[in-house]
N, C-alpha and C. Protein backbone atom coordinates (compact mmCIF):
# COMPACT_ATOMS: atom_id res chain seq x y z
N MET A 1 5.88 -11.86 -6.80
CA MET A 1 6.38 -10.62 -7.36
C MET A 1 5.36 -9.51 -7.09
N ILE A 2 5.86 -8.34 -6.74
CA ILE A 2 5.02 -7.19 -6.46
C ILE A 2 5.20 -6.19 -7.59
N THR A 3 4.08 -5.74 -8.16
CA THR A 3 4.15 -4.76 -9.24
C THR A 3 3.18 -3.62 -8.98
N ILE A 4 3.55 -2.44 -9.46
CA ILE A 4 2.66 -1.28 -9.47
C ILE A 4 2.52 -0.85 -10.91
N ASP A 5 1.30 -0.85 -11.42
CA ASP A 5 1.02 -0.55 -12.83
C ASP A 5 1.94 -1.35 -13.75
N HIS A 6 2.10 -2.63 -13.47
CA HIS A 6 2.87 -3.59 -14.25
C HIS A 6 4.37 -3.34 -14.24
N ILE A 7 4.86 -2.54 -13.30
CA ILE A 7 6.30 -2.31 -13.14
C ILE A 7 6.74 -3.01 -11.87
N SER A 8 7.71 -3.91 -11.98
CA SER A 8 8.17 -4.70 -10.84
C SER A 8 8.89 -3.83 -9.81
N LEU A 9 8.63 -4.12 -8.55
CA LEU A 9 9.31 -3.44 -7.44
C LEU A 9 10.41 -4.34 -6.92
N PRO A 10 11.45 -3.75 -6.32
CA PRO A 10 12.44 -4.58 -5.65
C PRO A 10 11.77 -5.32 -4.49
N ALA A 11 12.26 -6.48 -4.15
CA ALA A 11 11.65 -7.26 -3.07
C ALA A 11 11.80 -6.50 -1.75
N PRO A 12 10.69 -6.25 -1.05
CA PRO A 12 10.78 -5.57 0.24
C PRO A 12 11.30 -6.51 1.32
N ALA A 13 11.89 -5.93 2.36
CA ALA A 13 12.37 -6.74 3.50
C ALA A 13 11.19 -7.22 4.33
N THR A 14 10.19 -6.36 4.48
CA THR A 14 8.97 -6.77 5.17
C THR A 14 7.78 -6.36 4.32
N PHE A 15 6.74 -7.15 4.44
CA PHE A 15 5.54 -6.95 3.64
C PHE A 15 4.35 -7.42 4.48
N SER A 16 3.33 -6.59 4.61
CA SER A 16 2.16 -7.02 5.38
C SER A 16 0.88 -6.58 4.69
N VAL A 17 -0.17 -7.36 4.92
CA VAL A 17 -1.49 -7.08 4.37
C VAL A 17 -2.48 -7.06 5.52
N ASP A 18 -3.17 -5.94 5.69
CA ASP A 18 -4.26 -5.84 6.67
C ASP A 18 -5.56 -5.95 5.91
N ILE A 19 -6.46 -6.79 6.41
CA ILE A 19 -7.79 -6.94 5.82
C ILE A 19 -8.78 -6.39 6.83
N PHE A 20 -9.57 -5.42 6.40
CA PHE A 20 -10.51 -4.78 7.32
C PHE A 20 -11.83 -4.51 6.61
N SER A 21 -12.85 -4.19 7.37
CA SER A 21 -14.18 -3.94 6.82
C SER A 21 -14.47 -2.45 6.80
N ARG A 22 -15.11 -2.01 5.73
CA ARG A 22 -15.63 -0.65 5.62
C ARG A 22 -17.14 -0.79 5.50
N THR A 23 -17.84 0.03 6.22
CA THR A 23 -19.30 -0.01 6.16
C THR A 23 -19.83 1.34 5.73
N GLY A 24 -21.06 1.30 5.21
CA GLY A 24 -21.76 2.54 4.91
C GLY A 24 -22.25 3.09 6.24
N SER A 25 -23.50 3.47 6.29
CA SER A 25 -24.02 3.98 7.56
C SER A 25 -24.32 2.82 8.51
N GLU A 26 -24.18 3.10 9.78
CA GLU A 26 -24.43 2.12 10.83
C GLU A 26 -25.54 2.68 11.72
N LYS A 27 -26.60 1.90 11.93
CA LYS A 27 -27.73 2.35 12.74
C LYS A 27 -28.18 1.24 13.67
N ILE A 28 -28.90 1.62 14.66
CA ILE A 28 -29.52 0.67 15.58
C ILE A 28 -31.02 0.68 15.29
N ASN A 29 -31.58 -0.52 15.02
CA ASN A 29 -33.02 -0.59 14.74
C ASN A 29 -33.82 -0.64 16.04
N THR A 30 -35.15 -0.73 15.94
CA THR A 30 -36.01 -0.71 17.13
C THR A 30 -35.84 -1.93 18.02
N LEU A 31 -35.26 -3.00 17.49
CA LEU A 31 -35.00 -4.19 18.30
C LEU A 31 -33.64 -4.11 19.01
N GLY A 32 -32.92 -3.01 18.80
CA GLY A 32 -31.62 -2.84 19.43
C GLY A 32 -30.48 -3.51 18.67
N GLN A 33 -30.76 -3.94 17.45
CA GLN A 33 -29.74 -4.60 16.63
C GLN A 33 -29.01 -3.59 15.76
N THR A 34 -27.73 -3.83 15.56
CA THR A 34 -26.94 -2.98 14.68
C THR A 34 -27.22 -3.38 13.23
N VAL A 35 -27.51 -2.38 12.41
CA VAL A 35 -27.81 -2.61 10.99
C VAL A 35 -26.84 -1.77 10.17
N PHE A 36 -26.18 -2.42 9.18
CA PHE A 36 -25.25 -1.74 8.30
C PHE A 36 -25.90 -1.50 6.95
N ASP A 37 -25.61 -0.36 6.37
CA ASP A 37 -26.05 -0.08 5.01
C ASP A 37 -24.87 -0.34 4.09
N GLY A 38 -24.59 -1.61 3.85
CA GLY A 38 -23.47 -2.01 3.01
C GLY A 38 -22.22 -2.26 3.82
N ARG A 39 -21.48 -3.28 3.42
CA ARG A 39 -20.22 -3.64 4.08
C ARG A 39 -19.29 -4.18 2.99
N ARG A 40 -18.03 -3.76 3.04
CA ARG A 40 -17.08 -4.21 2.04
C ARG A 40 -15.74 -4.49 2.69
N GLU A 41 -15.10 -5.54 2.24
CA GLU A 41 -13.78 -5.91 2.72
C GLU A 41 -12.73 -5.13 1.92
N LYS A 42 -11.79 -4.50 2.63
CA LYS A 42 -10.73 -3.72 1.99
C LYS A 42 -9.37 -4.23 2.46
N ARG A 43 -8.34 -3.85 1.72
CA ARG A 43 -6.99 -4.25 2.06
C ARG A 43 -6.08 -3.03 2.20
N ARG A 44 -5.16 -3.13 3.14
CA ARG A 44 -4.10 -2.13 3.32
C ARG A 44 -2.78 -2.89 3.25
N VAL A 45 -1.91 -2.48 2.35
CA VAL A 45 -0.64 -3.16 2.13
C VAL A 45 0.49 -2.24 2.58
N GLU A 46 1.42 -2.80 3.36
CA GLU A 46 2.57 -2.02 3.82
C GLU A 46 3.85 -2.75 3.42
N MET A 47 4.79 -1.98 2.83
CA MET A 47 6.07 -2.52 2.41
C MET A 47 7.20 -1.71 3.03
N HIS A 48 8.32 -2.38 3.32
CA HIS A 48 9.46 -1.72 3.92
C HIS A 48 10.75 -2.22 3.27
N TRP A 49 11.59 -1.29 2.88
CA TRP A 49 12.91 -1.59 2.36
C TRP A 49 13.93 -0.95 3.30
N PRO A 50 14.86 -1.71 3.88
CA PRO A 50 15.83 -1.12 4.79
C PRO A 50 16.83 -0.19 4.09
N ARG A 51 17.14 -0.47 2.83
CA ARG A 51 18.03 0.39 2.05
C ARG A 51 17.54 0.42 0.60
N MET A 52 17.56 1.61 0.01
CA MET A 52 17.18 1.76 -1.39
C MET A 52 18.00 2.90 -1.98
N GLU A 53 18.55 2.68 -3.17
CA GLU A 53 19.33 3.71 -3.84
C GLU A 53 18.43 4.85 -4.31
N SER A 54 19.01 6.02 -4.46
CA SER A 54 18.27 7.23 -4.83
C SER A 54 17.48 7.07 -6.13
N GLU A 55 18.11 6.44 -7.13
CA GLU A 55 17.45 6.30 -8.43
C GLU A 55 16.20 5.44 -8.32
N ALA A 56 16.29 4.34 -7.59
CA ALA A 56 15.13 3.45 -7.43
C ALA A 56 14.02 4.14 -6.65
N LEU A 57 14.38 4.88 -5.61
CA LEU A 57 13.38 5.59 -4.82
C LEU A 57 12.71 6.67 -5.64
N ALA A 58 13.49 7.43 -6.39
CA ALA A 58 12.93 8.49 -7.24
C ALA A 58 11.98 7.90 -8.27
N ALA A 59 12.35 6.77 -8.88
CA ALA A 59 11.49 6.12 -9.88
C ALA A 59 10.19 5.65 -9.24
N LEU A 60 10.28 5.06 -8.04
CA LEU A 60 9.09 4.57 -7.35
C LEU A 60 8.15 5.72 -6.99
N PHE A 61 8.68 6.77 -6.36
CA PHE A 61 7.83 7.90 -5.96
C PHE A 61 7.29 8.65 -7.17
N SER A 62 8.06 8.72 -8.25
CA SER A 62 7.58 9.36 -9.48
C SER A 62 6.40 8.58 -10.06
N LEU A 63 6.51 7.26 -10.06
CA LEU A 63 5.42 6.42 -10.54
C LEU A 63 4.15 6.65 -9.72
N LEU A 64 4.30 6.78 -8.42
CA LEU A 64 3.14 6.97 -7.55
C LEU A 64 2.54 8.37 -7.68
N ASP A 65 3.34 9.34 -8.11
CA ASP A 65 2.85 10.71 -8.28
C ASP A 65 2.05 10.89 -9.57
N GLN A 66 2.19 9.97 -10.52
CA GLN A 66 1.55 10.14 -11.82
C GLN A 66 0.03 10.03 -11.77
N ASN A 67 -0.49 9.17 -10.91
CA ASN A 67 -1.93 8.95 -10.83
C ASN A 67 -2.37 8.89 -9.37
N ALA A 68 -3.62 9.28 -9.13
CA ALA A 68 -4.15 9.17 -7.77
C ALA A 68 -4.32 7.71 -7.38
N PHE A 69 -4.75 6.87 -8.33
CA PHE A 69 -4.95 5.45 -8.08
C PHE A 69 -4.07 4.64 -9.01
N VAL A 70 -3.47 3.58 -8.47
CA VAL A 70 -2.61 2.71 -9.24
C VAL A 70 -3.07 1.26 -9.06
N SER A 71 -2.60 0.40 -9.94
CA SER A 71 -2.90 -1.02 -9.88
C SER A 71 -1.75 -1.72 -9.16
N LEU A 72 -2.04 -2.41 -8.06
CA LEU A 72 -1.04 -3.11 -7.27
C LEU A 72 -1.30 -4.60 -7.34
N THR A 73 -0.31 -5.37 -7.77
CA THR A 73 -0.39 -6.82 -7.78
C THR A 73 0.59 -7.34 -6.73
N TYR A 74 0.10 -8.21 -5.86
CA TYR A 74 0.89 -8.65 -4.72
C TYR A 74 0.42 -10.03 -4.26
N PRO A 75 1.21 -10.72 -3.43
CA PRO A 75 0.76 -12.00 -2.87
C PRO A 75 -0.19 -11.75 -1.70
N ASP A 76 -1.43 -12.20 -1.83
CA ASP A 76 -2.46 -11.97 -0.81
C ASP A 76 -2.60 -13.22 0.06
N PRO A 77 -2.75 -13.05 1.38
CA PRO A 77 -2.85 -14.23 2.25
C PRO A 77 -4.12 -15.05 2.05
N VAL A 78 -5.16 -14.45 1.50
CA VAL A 78 -6.43 -15.15 1.31
C VAL A 78 -6.60 -15.60 -0.14
N ALA A 79 -6.34 -14.70 -1.08
CA ALA A 79 -6.65 -14.95 -2.49
C ALA A 79 -5.46 -15.38 -3.33
N GLY A 80 -4.30 -15.58 -2.74
CA GLY A 80 -3.11 -15.86 -3.54
C GLY A 80 -2.64 -14.57 -4.18
N GLU A 81 -2.29 -14.59 -5.46
CA GLU A 81 -1.91 -13.35 -6.12
C GLU A 81 -3.17 -12.52 -6.37
N LYS A 82 -3.11 -11.25 -6.01
CA LYS A 82 -4.28 -10.38 -6.11
C LYS A 82 -3.88 -9.05 -6.72
N THR A 83 -4.76 -8.46 -7.49
CA THR A 83 -4.56 -7.13 -8.05
C THR A 83 -5.67 -6.23 -7.55
N ILE A 84 -5.29 -5.08 -6.98
CA ILE A 84 -6.27 -4.12 -6.48
C ILE A 84 -5.95 -2.73 -7.00
N ARG A 85 -6.96 -1.88 -7.07
CA ARG A 85 -6.78 -0.45 -7.34
C ARG A 85 -6.59 0.19 -5.98
N CYS A 86 -5.55 0.98 -5.83
CA CYS A 86 -5.29 1.56 -4.52
C CYS A 86 -4.63 2.93 -4.65
N TYR A 87 -4.53 3.57 -3.51
CA TYR A 87 -3.85 4.86 -3.43
C TYR A 87 -2.80 4.79 -2.32
N VAL A 88 -1.85 5.70 -2.37
CA VAL A 88 -0.80 5.74 -1.35
C VAL A 88 -1.35 6.50 -0.16
N SER A 89 -1.45 5.82 0.98
CA SER A 89 -1.92 6.51 2.18
C SER A 89 -0.75 7.10 2.97
N SER A 90 0.45 6.56 2.77
CA SER A 90 1.63 7.08 3.47
C SER A 90 2.89 6.57 2.78
N ARG A 91 3.89 7.43 2.71
CA ARG A 91 5.20 7.02 2.22
C ARG A 91 6.26 7.84 2.93
N SER A 92 7.38 7.19 3.22
CA SER A 92 8.44 7.89 3.93
C SER A 92 9.79 7.27 3.60
N ALA A 93 10.83 8.07 3.80
CA ALA A 93 12.21 7.61 3.61
C ALA A 93 13.11 8.53 4.41
N ARG A 94 14.16 7.98 4.95
CA ARG A 94 15.12 8.83 5.65
C ARG A 94 16.50 8.61 5.03
N VAL A 95 17.33 9.64 5.10
CA VAL A 95 18.67 9.56 4.51
C VAL A 95 19.52 8.61 5.34
N TRP A 96 20.16 7.68 4.64
CA TRP A 96 21.07 6.75 5.30
C TRP A 96 22.50 7.25 5.15
N ARG A 97 22.83 7.69 3.95
CA ARG A 97 24.18 8.16 3.67
C ARG A 97 24.05 9.26 2.61
N TYR A 98 24.76 10.33 2.78
CA TYR A 98 24.71 11.40 1.77
C TYR A 98 26.13 11.75 1.35
N GLN A 99 26.52 11.21 0.21
CA GLN A 99 27.83 11.49 -0.38
C GLN A 99 27.65 11.47 -1.88
N ALA A 100 27.76 12.59 -2.52
CA ALA A 100 27.64 12.69 -3.98
C ALA A 100 26.35 12.06 -4.49
N GLY A 101 25.38 11.93 -3.66
CA GLY A 101 24.10 11.30 -4.01
C GLY A 101 23.65 10.48 -2.82
N ALA A 102 22.43 10.66 -2.44
CA ALA A 102 21.95 10.01 -1.22
C ALA A 102 21.58 8.56 -1.45
N ALA A 103 21.77 7.79 -0.41
CA ALA A 103 21.19 6.45 -0.35
C ALA A 103 20.16 6.54 0.75
N TRP A 104 19.06 5.86 0.61
CA TRP A 104 17.94 6.02 1.52
C TRP A 104 17.73 4.77 2.35
N ALA A 105 17.26 4.98 3.57
CA ALA A 105 17.00 3.87 4.49
C ALA A 105 15.57 3.97 5.01
N ASP A 106 15.10 2.86 5.50
CA ASP A 106 13.75 2.78 6.07
C ASP A 106 12.70 3.37 5.15
N VAL A 107 12.73 2.96 3.90
CA VAL A 107 11.71 3.39 2.94
C VAL A 107 10.46 2.59 3.24
N ARG A 108 9.37 3.29 3.51
CA ARG A 108 8.09 2.65 3.85
C ARG A 108 7.01 3.16 2.92
N LEU A 109 6.17 2.24 2.51
CA LEU A 109 5.08 2.56 1.60
C LEU A 109 3.82 1.87 2.09
N LYS A 110 2.77 2.65 2.32
CA LYS A 110 1.47 2.09 2.73
C LYS A 110 0.45 2.44 1.67
N MET A 111 -0.25 1.41 1.20
CA MET A 111 -1.25 1.60 0.15
C MET A 111 -2.58 1.02 0.62
N GLU A 112 -3.67 1.73 0.28
CA GLU A 112 -4.99 1.30 0.70
C GLU A 112 -5.90 1.12 -0.49
N GLU A 113 -6.69 0.04 -0.46
CA GLU A 113 -7.59 -0.27 -1.57
C GLU A 113 -8.63 0.83 -1.74
N GLN A 114 -8.95 1.11 -3.00
CA GLN A 114 -9.91 2.16 -3.36
C GLN A 114 -11.28 1.90 -2.80
């Protein structure tokens, strides 16, 4: 189950987790070796829904607008279920059908660990 600030999200059609390293300063010492001033593993989570109703999309985007950082709980490939503090790095949606209220398609959400 995927939750943002303890609110369950609809199951996405696709879900991916990128694990990458962030470093502080990077320098070369006198021996020609690369030296890092701190290194941390971070996660980037991407979710995709092929179709989402207007009300659900509005509720999701409203939730994300309330705070700069939110708590995301998701299935992690390394740690099992994991909770991270993250921010929205990208979100998008396109209109699928517009009749008396839009239905949205290709809703994408990318979140990056703080």
